[in-house]
Amino acid sequence: MGHAGMAATAVRHLRAAGSPTAVEPLPRPALRAVREDERAPVEPGEFRRVLGHFASGVTVVTALDADGPTGFACQSFASLSLDPPLVAFMVARTSTTWPRIAAAGTFCVNVLGADQGGLCRSFAVSGADKFAGVGWTPTPATGSPRLNGAPAWIDCAITTVHTGGDHLIVVGRVADLGAEEDGGEPLLFHRGRFGRFTG
């Protein structure tokens, strides 16, 4: 199946799952694990506070569609499988960037370095021209934007999309990847702030 076929499959899945396939966001999904007369399991503010103790790396997921380059800052990224080589990222169902990535059928995960906090912030803003002043080159396999200065990149084709509450779990098969010989320190995110290794 080519990239266009994978994109069509992803969009069909999104429509069947009630997820956004256009820029207009859908209402919050009504997914509950408890009855209306039961106590809510977790208060959202407390959920964010406690989970904020888990330090993560920071990436920018990019794609190239008919309208040009697009992307968003993403800390919910993970390697998934070695054989076949798969990675996954999570994106909000209300994201206006995700439908463009789904339409492209491919994406590149740009792993950010410790000095790229500003780049991350620019890709975390909704509605702005995120690529203004940002240098990039097309990846060899899919043509997705590889951001200049990113210590590592993973070029992927979308294989499956799963629903996960108010987010989508996007699985991509790795087509190509690379890293700088001396990539330096990674950009970390912990308790609402950027950080770096100190050891």
N, C-alpha and C. Protein backbone atom coordinates (compact mmCIF):
# COMPACT_ATOMS: atom_id res chain seq x y z
N MET A 1 0.85 -1.20 0.00
CA MET A 1 0.00 0.00 0.00
C MET A 1 0.88 1.24 0.00
N GLY A 2 0.64 2.18 -0.91
CA GLY A 2 1.41 3.40 -1.00
C GLY A 2 1.03 4.39 0.08
N HIS A 3 1.75 5.54 0.11
CA HIS A 3 1.49 6.57 1.11
C HIS A 3 0.06 7.09 1.01
N ALA A 4 -0.43 7.28 -0.23
CA ALA A 4 -1.80 7.79 -0.40
C ALA A 4 -2.81 6.79 0.14
N GLY A 5 -2.56 5.50 -0.08
CA GLY A 5 -3.47 4.47 0.43
C GLY A 5 -3.47 4.44 1.94
N MET A 6 -2.28 4.60 2.54
CA MET A 6 -2.21 4.63 4.01
C MET A 6 -2.93 5.84 4.58
N ALA A 7 -2.80 6.96 3.90
CA ALA A 7 -3.49 8.17 4.37
C ALA A 7 -4.99 7.97 4.30
N ALA A 8 -5.47 7.39 3.20
CA ALA A 8 -6.91 7.15 3.06
C ALA A 8 -7.41 6.20 4.13
N THR A 9 -6.61 5.16 4.42
CA THR A 9 -6.99 4.22 5.48
C THR A 9 -7.06 4.92 6.83
N ALA A 10 -6.09 5.78 7.12
CA ALA A 10 -6.08 6.51 8.39
C ALA A 10 -7.30 7.40 8.50
N VAL A 11 -7.64 8.10 7.43
CA VAL A 11 -8.78 9.01 7.47
C VAL A 11 -10.08 8.23 7.63
N ARG A 12 -10.21 7.10 6.93
CA ARG A 12 -11.42 6.26 7.08
C ARG A 12 -11.56 5.80 8.53
N HIS A 13 -10.43 5.39 9.13
CA HIS A 13 -10.47 4.95 10.53
C HIS A 13 -10.90 6.09 11.45
N LEU A 14 -10.36 7.28 11.21
CA LEU A 14 -10.72 8.43 12.04
C LEU A 14 -12.21 8.72 11.95
N ARG A 15 -12.75 8.67 10.75
CA ARG A 15 -14.19 8.94 10.59
C ARG A 15 -15.01 7.88 11.31
N ALA A 16 -14.60 6.62 11.18
CA ALA A 16 -15.35 5.54 11.83
C ALA A 16 -15.28 5.66 13.35
N ALA A 17 -14.16 6.18 13.86
CA ALA A 17 -13.99 6.31 15.31
C ALA A 17 -14.54 7.61 15.85
N GLY A 18 -15.09 8.45 14.97
CA GLY A 18 -15.62 9.73 15.42
C GLY A 18 -14.56 10.75 15.73
N SER A 19 -13.37 10.61 15.12
CA SER A 19 -12.27 11.53 15.34
C SER A 19 -12.23 12.57 14.23
N PRO A 20 -11.59 13.73 14.48
CA PRO A 20 -11.59 14.79 13.48
C PRO A 20 -10.80 14.42 12.24
N THR A 21 -11.37 14.61 11.06
CA THR A 21 -10.66 14.43 9.80
C THR A 21 -10.61 15.74 9.04
N ALA A 22 -11.13 16.81 9.60
CA ALA A 22 -11.02 18.15 9.04
C ALA A 22 -10.56 19.07 10.16
N VAL A 23 -10.37 20.33 9.85
CA VAL A 23 -9.80 21.22 10.86
C VAL A 23 -10.80 21.56 11.96
N GLU A 24 -12.10 21.33 11.76
CA GLU A 24 -13.07 21.63 12.81
C GLU A 24 -12.99 20.55 13.89
N PRO A 25 -12.64 20.91 15.14
CA PRO A 25 -12.54 19.89 16.18
C PRO A 25 -13.90 19.36 16.61
N LEU A 26 -13.92 18.07 16.96
CA LEU A 26 -15.14 17.46 17.48
C LEU A 26 -15.25 17.75 18.97
N PRO A 27 -16.47 17.62 19.54
CA PRO A 27 -16.60 17.78 20.99
C PRO A 27 -15.81 16.70 21.73
N ARG A 28 -15.55 16.96 23.01
CA ARG A 28 -14.85 15.96 23.82
C ARG A 28 -15.56 14.63 23.75
N PRO A 29 -14.81 13.53 23.60
CA PRO A 29 -15.45 12.23 23.56
C PRO A 29 -16.08 11.89 24.90
N ALA A 30 -17.27 11.31 24.86
CA ALA A 30 -17.97 10.92 26.10
C ALA A 30 -17.58 9.49 26.45
N LEU A 31 -16.38 9.32 26.98
CA LEU A 31 -15.88 8.01 27.35
C LEU A 31 -15.74 7.96 28.87
N ARG A 32 -16.47 7.07 29.51
CA ARG A 32 -16.44 6.98 30.96
C ARG A 32 -16.22 5.54 31.39
N ALA A 33 -15.45 5.38 32.46
CA ALA A 33 -15.23 4.06 33.03
C ALA A 33 -16.06 3.85 34.30
N VAL A 34 -16.79 4.89 34.72
CA VAL A 34 -17.63 4.80 35.92
C VAL A 34 -19.02 5.33 35.59
N ARG A 35 -20.00 4.93 36.40
CA ARG A 35 -21.36 5.41 36.20
C ARG A 35 -21.49 6.85 36.66
N GLU A 36 -22.54 7.53 36.23
CA GLU A 36 -22.76 8.93 36.61
C GLU A 36 -22.89 9.11 38.11
N ASP A 37 -23.40 8.08 38.84
CA ASP A 37 -23.58 8.21 40.28
C ASP A 37 -22.36 7.78 41.08
N GLU A 38 -21.26 7.44 40.39
CA GLU A 38 -20.04 7.06 41.08
C GLU A 38 -19.07 8.24 41.12
N ARG A 39 -18.16 8.18 42.08
CA ARG A 39 -17.14 9.21 42.20
C ARG A 39 -16.20 9.16 41.00
N ALA A 40 -15.89 10.34 40.44
CA ALA A 40 -14.92 10.39 39.35
C ALA A 40 -13.58 9.83 39.83
N PRO A 41 -12.94 8.98 39.02
CA PRO A 41 -11.74 8.30 39.51
C PRO A 41 -10.56 9.24 39.79
N VAL A 42 -10.38 10.28 38.97
CA VAL A 42 -9.21 11.15 39.12
C VAL A 42 -9.61 12.57 38.74
N GLU A 43 -9.22 13.54 39.57
CA GLU A 43 -9.45 14.94 39.25
C GLU A 43 -8.40 15.38 38.22
N PRO A 44 -8.81 16.05 37.11
CA PRO A 44 -7.87 16.36 36.03
C PRO A 44 -6.64 17.13 36.47
N GLY A 45 -6.80 18.12 37.36
CA GLY A 45 -5.64 18.88 37.82
C GLY A 45 -4.64 18.01 38.55
N GLU A 46 -5.13 17.11 39.39
CA GLU A 46 -4.26 16.20 40.12
C GLU A 46 -3.58 15.22 39.18
N PHE A 47 -4.32 14.77 38.17
CA PHE A 47 -3.76 13.88 37.15
C PHE A 47 -2.54 14.53 36.49
N ARG A 48 -2.72 15.80 36.06
CA ARG A 48 -1.61 16.52 35.41
C ARG A 48 -0.43 16.71 36.38
N ARG A 49 -0.75 17.06 37.64
CA ARG A 49 0.32 17.33 38.61
C ARG A 49 1.18 16.09 38.84
N VAL A 50 0.53 14.96 39.06
CA VAL A 50 1.27 13.74 39.37
C VAL A 50 2.02 13.23 38.14
N LEU A 51 1.35 13.20 36.99
CA LEU A 51 2.02 12.70 35.78
C LEU A 51 3.14 13.63 35.33
N GLY A 52 3.10 14.89 35.77
CA GLY A 52 4.17 15.82 35.44
C GLY A 52 5.51 15.44 36.04
N HIS A 53 5.50 14.54 37.02
CA HIS A 53 6.75 14.08 37.62
C HIS A 53 7.51 13.13 36.70
N PHE A 54 6.85 12.66 35.66
CA PHE A 54 7.52 11.77 34.71
C PHE A 54 8.23 12.62 33.66
N ALA A 55 9.55 12.61 33.68
CA ALA A 55 10.33 13.39 32.72
C ALA A 55 10.30 12.70 31.36
N SER A 56 10.18 13.50 30.31
CA SER A 56 10.14 12.94 28.96
C SER A 56 11.03 13.76 28.04
N GLY A 57 11.38 13.15 26.94
CA GLY A 57 12.04 13.87 25.87
C GLY A 57 11.02 14.72 25.13
N VAL A 58 11.50 15.56 24.22
CA VAL A 58 10.61 16.44 23.47
C VAL A 58 10.91 16.28 21.98
N THR A 59 9.85 16.18 21.18
CA THR A 59 10.00 16.04 19.74
C THR A 59 9.11 17.04 19.02
N VAL A 60 9.36 17.20 17.73
CA VAL A 60 8.43 17.88 16.85
C VAL A 60 8.08 16.89 15.74
N VAL A 61 6.79 16.58 15.62
CA VAL A 61 6.31 15.68 14.57
C VAL A 61 5.92 16.53 13.37
N THR A 62 6.50 16.25 12.22
CA THR A 62 6.27 17.05 11.02
C THR A 62 5.74 16.20 9.88
N ALA A 63 5.10 16.85 8.93
CA ALA A 63 4.63 16.19 7.71
C ALA A 63 4.58 17.23 6.59
N LEU A 64 4.46 16.75 5.38
CA LEU A 64 4.35 17.62 4.22
C LEU A 64 3.12 17.19 3.43
N ASP A 65 2.11 18.09 3.38
CA ASP A 65 0.92 17.79 2.60
C ASP A 65 0.81 18.76 1.43
N ALA A 66 -0.33 18.77 0.77
CA ALA A 66 -0.51 19.61 -0.42
C ALA A 66 -0.39 21.09 -0.11
N ASP A 67 -0.61 21.49 1.14
CA ASP A 67 -0.53 22.90 1.53
C ASP A 67 0.84 23.30 2.06
N GLY A 68 1.78 22.37 2.12
CA GLY A 68 3.11 22.68 2.60
C GLY A 68 3.45 21.95 3.89
N PRO A 69 4.50 22.40 4.59
CA PRO A 69 4.92 21.72 5.81
C PRO A 69 4.00 22.02 6.99
N THR A 70 3.85 21.05 7.87
CA THR A 70 3.05 21.22 9.08
C THR A 70 3.70 20.42 10.19
N GLY A 71 3.35 20.71 11.44
CA GLY A 71 3.93 19.96 12.53
C GLY A 71 3.45 20.46 13.88
N PHE A 72 3.77 19.72 14.93
CA PHE A 72 3.40 20.11 16.28
C PHE A 72 4.41 19.54 17.28
N ALA A 73 4.55 20.22 18.41
CA ALA A 73 5.42 19.75 19.47
C ALA A 73 4.77 18.57 20.17
N CYS A 74 5.57 17.54 20.45
CA CYS A 74 5.01 16.31 21.01
C CYS A 74 5.99 15.69 22.00
N GLN A 75 5.54 15.51 23.24
CA GLN A 75 6.35 14.80 24.21
C GLN A 75 5.86 13.37 24.41
N SER A 76 4.68 13.06 23.86
CA SER A 76 4.12 11.71 23.98
C SER A 76 4.56 10.87 22.78
N PHE A 77 5.82 10.47 22.81
CA PHE A 77 6.42 9.70 21.73
C PHE A 77 7.18 8.53 22.33
N ALA A 78 7.18 7.39 21.63
CA ALA A 78 7.90 6.22 22.14
C ALA A 78 8.26 5.27 21.01
N SER A 79 9.36 4.55 21.20
CA SER A 79 9.64 3.42 20.31
C SER A 79 8.67 2.30 20.69
N LEU A 80 8.25 1.52 19.70
CA LEU A 80 7.22 0.52 19.94
C LEU A 80 7.68 -0.89 19.63
N SER A 81 8.37 -1.07 18.52
CA SER A 81 8.74 -2.42 18.09
C SER A 81 10.05 -2.37 17.32
N LEU A 82 10.87 -3.40 17.52
CA LEU A 82 12.13 -3.51 16.79
C LEU A 82 11.94 -4.26 15.48
N ASP A 83 11.08 -5.28 15.48
CA ASP A 83 10.86 -6.10 14.29
C ASP A 83 9.37 -6.38 14.13
N PRO A 84 8.66 -5.61 13.27
CA PRO A 84 9.18 -4.56 12.40
C PRO A 84 9.47 -3.29 13.19
N PRO A 85 10.27 -2.37 12.63
CA PRO A 85 10.58 -1.13 13.35
C PRO A 85 9.38 -0.20 13.37
N LEU A 86 8.81 0.00 14.57
CA LEU A 86 7.63 0.84 14.73
C LEU A 86 7.85 1.85 15.84
N VAL A 87 7.27 3.03 15.67
CA VAL A 87 7.23 4.04 16.72
C VAL A 87 5.79 4.49 16.89
N ALA A 88 5.51 5.22 17.96
CA ALA A 88 4.15 5.70 18.20
C ALA A 88 4.21 7.09 18.80
N PHE A 89 3.21 7.90 18.46
CA PHE A 89 3.04 9.18 19.15
C PHE A 89 1.57 9.37 19.44
N MET A 90 1.27 10.19 20.44
CA MET A 90 -0.11 10.48 20.82
C MET A 90 -0.43 11.92 20.49
N VAL A 91 -1.63 12.16 19.97
CA VAL A 91 -2.05 13.50 19.58
C VAL A 91 -3.50 13.70 20.00
N ALA A 92 -3.82 14.90 20.46
CA ALA A 92 -5.19 15.20 20.90
C ALA A 92 -6.16 15.06 19.74
N ARG A 93 -7.33 14.52 20.02
CA ARG A 93 -8.35 14.37 18.98
C ARG A 93 -8.82 15.72 18.46
N THR A 94 -8.60 16.80 19.20
CA THR A 94 -9.01 18.13 18.76
C THR A 94 -7.90 18.85 17.99
N SER A 95 -6.77 18.20 17.78
CA SER A 95 -5.65 18.83 17.07
C SER A 95 -6.06 19.21 15.65
N THR A 96 -5.69 20.42 15.23
CA THR A 96 -5.93 20.84 13.85
C THR A 96 -4.77 20.47 12.94
N THR A 97 -3.63 20.06 13.52
CA THR A 97 -2.48 19.63 12.73
C THR A 97 -2.61 18.17 12.32
N TRP A 98 -3.19 17.35 13.20
CA TRP A 98 -3.27 15.92 12.93
C TRP A 98 -3.96 15.59 11.61
N PRO A 99 -5.10 16.21 11.24
CA PRO A 99 -5.72 15.84 9.96
C PRO A 99 -4.79 16.03 8.77
N ARG A 100 -3.91 17.02 8.83
CA ARG A 100 -2.96 17.23 7.74
C ARG A 100 -1.90 16.13 7.71
N ILE A 101 -1.47 15.68 8.89
CA ILE A 101 -0.51 14.57 8.95
C ILE A 101 -1.17 13.29 8.44
N ALA A 102 -2.42 13.08 8.84
CA ALA A 102 -3.15 11.90 8.37
C ALA A 102 -3.30 11.93 6.85
N ALA A 103 -3.58 13.10 6.29
CA ALA A 103 -3.73 13.22 4.84
C ALA A 103 -2.41 12.95 4.13
N ALA A 104 -1.30 13.36 4.75
CA ALA A 104 0.01 13.10 4.15
C ALA A 104 0.34 11.60 4.18
N GLY A 105 -0.09 10.92 5.24
CA GLY A 105 0.18 9.49 5.36
C GLY A 105 1.57 9.17 5.86
N THR A 106 2.39 10.19 6.06
CA THR A 106 3.76 10.00 6.52
C THR A 106 4.09 11.09 7.53
N PHE A 107 5.16 10.89 8.28
CA PHE A 107 5.60 11.91 9.24
C PHE A 107 7.05 11.68 9.59
N CYS A 108 7.66 12.73 10.15
CA CYS A 108 9.02 12.64 10.67
C CYS A 108 9.01 13.10 12.11
N VAL A 109 9.61 12.31 12.99
CA VAL A 109 9.78 12.69 14.39
C VAL A 109 11.16 13.32 14.53
N ASN A 110 11.19 14.61 14.87
CA ASN A 110 12.43 15.32 15.09
C ASN A 110 12.72 15.39 16.58
N VAL A 111 13.76 14.70 17.04
CA VAL A 111 14.13 14.69 18.45
C VAL A 111 14.91 15.98 18.73
N LEU A 112 14.44 16.77 19.70
CA LEU A 112 15.04 18.08 19.96
C LEU A 112 16.19 18.00 20.95
N GLY A 113 17.16 18.90 20.75
CA GLY A 113 18.31 19.00 21.63
C GLY A 113 18.06 20.01 22.74
N ALA A 114 18.97 20.04 23.70
CA ALA A 114 18.80 20.84 24.91
C ALA A 114 18.66 22.33 24.62
N ASP A 115 19.21 22.81 23.50
CA ASP A 115 19.15 24.24 23.19
C ASP A 115 18.00 24.60 22.26
N GLN A 116 17.03 23.70 22.10
CA GLN A 116 15.95 23.93 21.15
C GLN A 116 14.60 24.15 21.82
N GLY A 117 14.61 24.68 23.05
CA GLY A 117 13.36 24.97 23.74
C GLY A 117 12.52 26.00 22.99
N GLY A 118 13.16 27.00 22.40
CA GLY A 118 12.43 28.00 21.63
C GLY A 118 11.75 27.40 20.43
N LEU A 119 12.42 26.48 19.75
CA LEU A 119 11.82 25.81 18.59
C LEU A 119 10.60 25.01 19.03
N CYS A 120 10.70 24.34 20.17
CA CYS A 120 9.57 23.58 20.70
C CYS A 120 8.38 24.50 20.97
N ARG A 121 8.65 25.64 21.59
CA ARG A 121 7.55 26.57 21.91
C ARG A 121 6.86 27.07 20.64
N SER A 122 7.64 27.32 19.59
CA SER A 122 7.02 27.82 18.35
C SER A 122 6.11 26.77 17.72
N PHE A 123 6.43 25.50 17.89
CA PHE A 123 5.59 24.44 17.33
C PHE A 123 4.45 24.05 18.28
N ALA A 124 4.45 24.59 19.50
CA ALA A 124 3.37 24.31 20.44
C ALA A 124 2.24 25.31 20.32
N VAL A 125 2.43 26.37 19.52
CA VAL A 125 1.42 27.41 19.35
C VAL A 125 0.43 26.99 18.27
N SER A 126 -0.85 27.15 18.54
CA SER A 126 -1.88 26.78 17.58
C SER A 126 -2.21 27.97 16.68
N GLY A 127 -2.34 27.70 15.39
CA GLY A 127 -2.79 28.71 14.45
C GLY A 127 -1.72 29.60 13.87
N ALA A 128 -0.49 29.51 14.36
CA ALA A 128 0.59 30.36 13.86
C ALA A 128 1.29 29.67 12.70
N ASP A 129 2.11 30.44 11.96
CA ASP A 129 2.96 29.86 10.93
C ASP A 129 4.17 29.28 11.62
N LYS A 130 4.08 28.01 11.97
CA LYS A 130 5.12 27.38 12.79
C LYS A 130 6.45 27.25 12.07
N PHE A 131 6.43 27.25 10.76
CA PHE A 131 7.66 27.07 10.00
C PHE A 131 8.33 28.39 9.61
N ALA A 132 7.77 29.53 10.07
CA ALA A 132 8.38 30.83 9.75
C ALA A 132 9.80 30.90 10.32
N GLY A 133 10.77 31.07 9.46
CA GLY A 133 12.15 31.17 9.89
C GLY A 133 12.80 29.87 10.30
N VAL A 134 12.12 28.75 10.10
CA VAL A 134 12.65 27.44 10.51
C VAL A 134 13.23 26.73 9.28
N GLY A 135 14.50 26.37 9.35
CA GLY A 135 15.13 25.65 8.25
C GLY A 135 14.84 24.17 8.32
N TRP A 136 14.63 23.57 7.15
CA TRP A 136 14.38 22.13 7.11
C TRP A 136 14.75 21.59 5.73
N THR A 137 14.95 20.28 5.69
CA THR A 137 15.19 19.58 4.45
C THR A 137 14.27 18.37 4.39
N PRO A 138 13.89 17.90 3.20
CA PRO A 138 13.03 16.73 3.12
C PRO A 138 13.78 15.45 3.49
N THR A 139 13.12 14.58 4.21
CA THR A 139 13.74 13.30 4.55
C THR A 139 13.85 12.45 3.29
N PRO A 140 14.83 11.52 3.26
CA PRO A 140 15.07 10.77 2.04
C PRO A 140 13.93 9.85 1.62
N ALA A 141 13.23 9.24 2.58
CA ALA A 141 12.23 8.23 2.24
C ALA A 141 10.86 8.83 1.92
N THR A 142 10.39 9.77 2.74
CA THR A 142 9.01 10.26 2.58
C THR A 142 8.93 11.72 2.20
N GLY A 143 10.02 12.46 2.32
CA GLY A 143 9.98 13.90 2.03
C GLY A 143 9.44 14.75 3.16
N SER A 144 9.17 14.15 4.31
CA SER A 144 8.68 14.91 5.47
C SER A 144 9.78 15.85 5.95
N PRO A 145 9.41 16.99 6.58
CA PRO A 145 10.42 17.94 7.01
C PRO A 145 11.32 17.43 8.13
N ARG A 146 12.62 17.48 7.86
CA ARG A 146 13.63 17.20 8.87
C ARG A 146 14.18 18.54 9.32
N LEU A 147 13.96 18.91 10.57
CA LEU A 147 14.32 20.23 11.06
C LEU A 147 15.83 20.37 11.24
N ASN A 148 16.36 21.49 10.78
CA ASN A 148 17.79 21.76 10.93
C ASN A 148 18.16 21.80 12.42
N GLY A 149 19.24 21.14 12.76
CA GLY A 149 19.75 21.18 14.13
C GLY A 149 19.18 20.11 15.04
N ALA A 150 18.18 19.37 14.60
CA ALA A 150 17.64 18.29 15.45
C ALA A 150 18.68 17.18 15.54
N PRO A 151 19.01 16.73 16.74
CA PRO A 151 20.06 15.72 16.90
C PRO A 151 19.71 14.37 16.27
N ALA A 152 18.41 14.06 16.17
CA ALA A 152 18.00 12.77 15.60
C ALA A 152 16.65 12.92 14.92
N TRP A 153 16.38 12.04 13.96
CA TRP A 153 15.11 12.08 13.23
C TRP A 153 14.71 10.67 12.84
N ILE A 154 13.39 10.45 12.80
CA ILE A 154 12.82 9.15 12.45
C ILE A 154 11.74 9.39 11.41
N ASP A 155 11.93 8.85 10.21
CA ASP A 155 11.05 9.07 9.06
C ASP A 155 10.10 7.87 8.95
N CYS A 156 8.78 8.12 8.93
CA CYS A 156 7.81 7.04 9.08
C CYS A 156 6.63 7.15 8.13
N ALA A 157 5.98 6.02 7.91
CA ALA A 157 4.69 5.96 7.23
C ALA A 157 3.65 5.48 8.24
N ILE A 158 2.48 6.11 8.23
CA ILE A 158 1.41 5.73 9.16
C ILE A 158 0.92 4.33 8.83
N THR A 159 0.83 3.48 9.85
CA THR A 159 0.30 2.13 9.64
C THR A 159 -1.06 1.94 10.30
N THR A 160 -1.21 2.39 11.55
CA THR A 160 -2.48 2.24 12.25
C THR A 160 -2.72 3.43 13.15
N VAL A 161 -4.00 3.67 13.45
CA VAL A 161 -4.40 4.74 14.37
C VAL A 161 -5.41 4.14 15.35
N HIS A 162 -5.16 4.29 16.64
CA HIS A 162 -6.06 3.77 17.67
C HIS A 162 -6.63 4.93 18.49
N THR A 163 -7.84 4.77 18.98
CA THR A 163 -8.40 5.77 19.88
C THR A 163 -7.92 5.48 21.30
N GLY A 164 -7.64 6.56 22.04
CA GLY A 164 -7.21 6.44 23.43
C GLY A 164 -7.80 7.58 24.23
N GLY A 165 -9.10 7.48 24.57
CA GLY A 165 -9.75 8.57 25.30
C GLY A 165 -9.82 9.82 24.44
N ASP A 166 -9.30 10.93 24.97
CA ASP A 166 -9.35 12.18 24.21
C ASP A 166 -8.15 12.35 23.28
N HIS A 167 -7.34 11.30 23.14
CA HIS A 167 -6.19 11.32 22.24
C HIS A 167 -6.28 10.18 21.21
N LEU A 168 -5.45 10.28 20.20
CA LEU A 168 -5.26 9.21 19.23
C LEU A 168 -3.85 8.67 19.39
N ILE A 169 -3.69 7.36 19.19
CA ILE A 169 -2.40 6.71 19.24
C ILE A 169 -2.03 6.37 17.80
N VAL A 170 -1.02 7.04 17.29
CA VAL A 170 -0.62 6.89 15.89
C VAL A 170 0.63 6.02 15.83
N VAL A 171 0.55 4.94 15.08
CA VAL A 171 1.68 4.03 14.92
C VAL A 171 2.27 4.21 13.53
N GLY A 172 3.58 4.36 13.47
CA GLY A 172 4.26 4.52 12.20
C GLY A 172 5.36 3.50 12.01
N ARG A 173 5.49 3.03 10.77
CA ARG A 173 6.59 2.12 10.43
C ARG A 173 7.78 2.94 9.96
N VAL A 174 8.93 2.68 10.56
CA VAL A 174 10.12 3.47 10.26
C VAL A 174 10.64 3.12 8.88
N ALA A 175 10.78 4.16 8.04
CA ALA A 175 11.32 3.99 6.70
C ALA A 175 12.79 4.37 6.63
N ASP A 176 13.20 5.30 7.48
CA ASP A 176 14.59 5.76 7.52
C ASP A 176 14.78 6.52 8.83
N LEU A 177 16.00 6.67 9.26
CA LEU A 177 16.29 7.42 10.48
C LEU A 177 17.76 7.77 10.52
N GLY A 178 18.09 8.70 11.39
CA GLY A 178 19.49 9.09 11.52
C GLY A 178 19.70 9.94 12.74
N ALA A 179 20.98 10.10 13.11
CA ALA A 179 21.34 10.91 14.27
C ALA A 179 22.71 11.51 14.03
N GLU A 180 22.93 12.67 14.65
CA GLU A 180 24.24 13.30 14.59
C GLU A 180 25.25 12.46 15.37
N GLU A 181 26.49 12.47 14.91
CA GLU A 181 27.54 11.68 15.56
C GLU A 181 27.65 12.06 17.03
N ASP A 182 27.65 13.36 17.32
CA ASP A 182 27.64 13.84 18.70
C ASP A 182 26.42 14.72 18.86
N GLY A 183 25.29 14.09 19.17
CA GLY A 183 24.03 14.81 19.22
C GLY A 183 23.88 15.75 20.40
N GLY A 184 24.79 15.69 21.36
CA GLY A 184 24.68 16.55 22.52
C GLY A 184 23.58 16.10 23.46
N GLU A 185 23.20 16.97 24.37
CA GLU A 185 22.19 16.63 25.38
C GLU A 185 20.79 16.79 24.82
N PRO A 186 19.84 15.98 25.32
CA PRO A 186 18.46 16.10 24.84
C PRO A 186 17.71 17.21 25.57
N LEU A 187 16.65 17.68 24.94
CA LEU A 187 15.72 18.59 25.60
C LEU A 187 14.75 17.75 26.42
N LEU A 188 14.64 18.04 27.71
CA LEU A 188 13.75 17.29 28.60
C LEU A 188 12.61 18.17 29.07
N PHE A 189 11.50 17.54 29.40
CA PHE A 189 10.34 18.25 29.94
C PHE A 189 9.94 17.59 31.24
N HIS A 190 9.84 18.40 32.31
CA HIS A 190 9.54 17.86 33.64
C HIS A 190 8.79 18.91 34.45
N ARG A 191 7.61 18.54 34.94
CA ARG A 191 6.79 19.40 35.80
C ARG A 191 6.57 20.78 35.17
N GLY A 192 6.25 20.78 33.89
CA GLY A 192 5.90 22.01 33.20
C GLY A 192 7.05 22.86 32.74
N ARG A 193 8.30 22.35 32.88
CA ARG A 193 9.46 23.15 32.50
C ARG A 193 10.43 22.31 31.66
N PHE A 194 11.20 23.01 30.81
CA PHE A 194 12.28 22.37 30.09
C PHE A 194 13.46 22.20 31.01
N GLY A 195 14.24 21.15 30.76
CA GLY A 195 15.44 20.91 31.55
C GLY A 195 16.46 20.15 30.75
N ARG A 196 17.56 19.78 31.42
CA ARG A 196 18.62 19.02 30.76
C ARG A 196 19.34 18.18 31.79
N PHE A 197 20.16 17.23 31.31
CA PHE A 197 20.95 16.41 32.20
C PHE A 197 21.97 17.28 32.93
N THR A 198 22.18 17.00 34.21
CA THR A 198 23.19 17.74 34.97
C THR A 198 24.30 16.84 35.46
N GLY A 199 24.17 15.51 35.27
CA GLY A 199 25.18 14.58 35.76
C GLY A 199 26.36 14.46 34.83
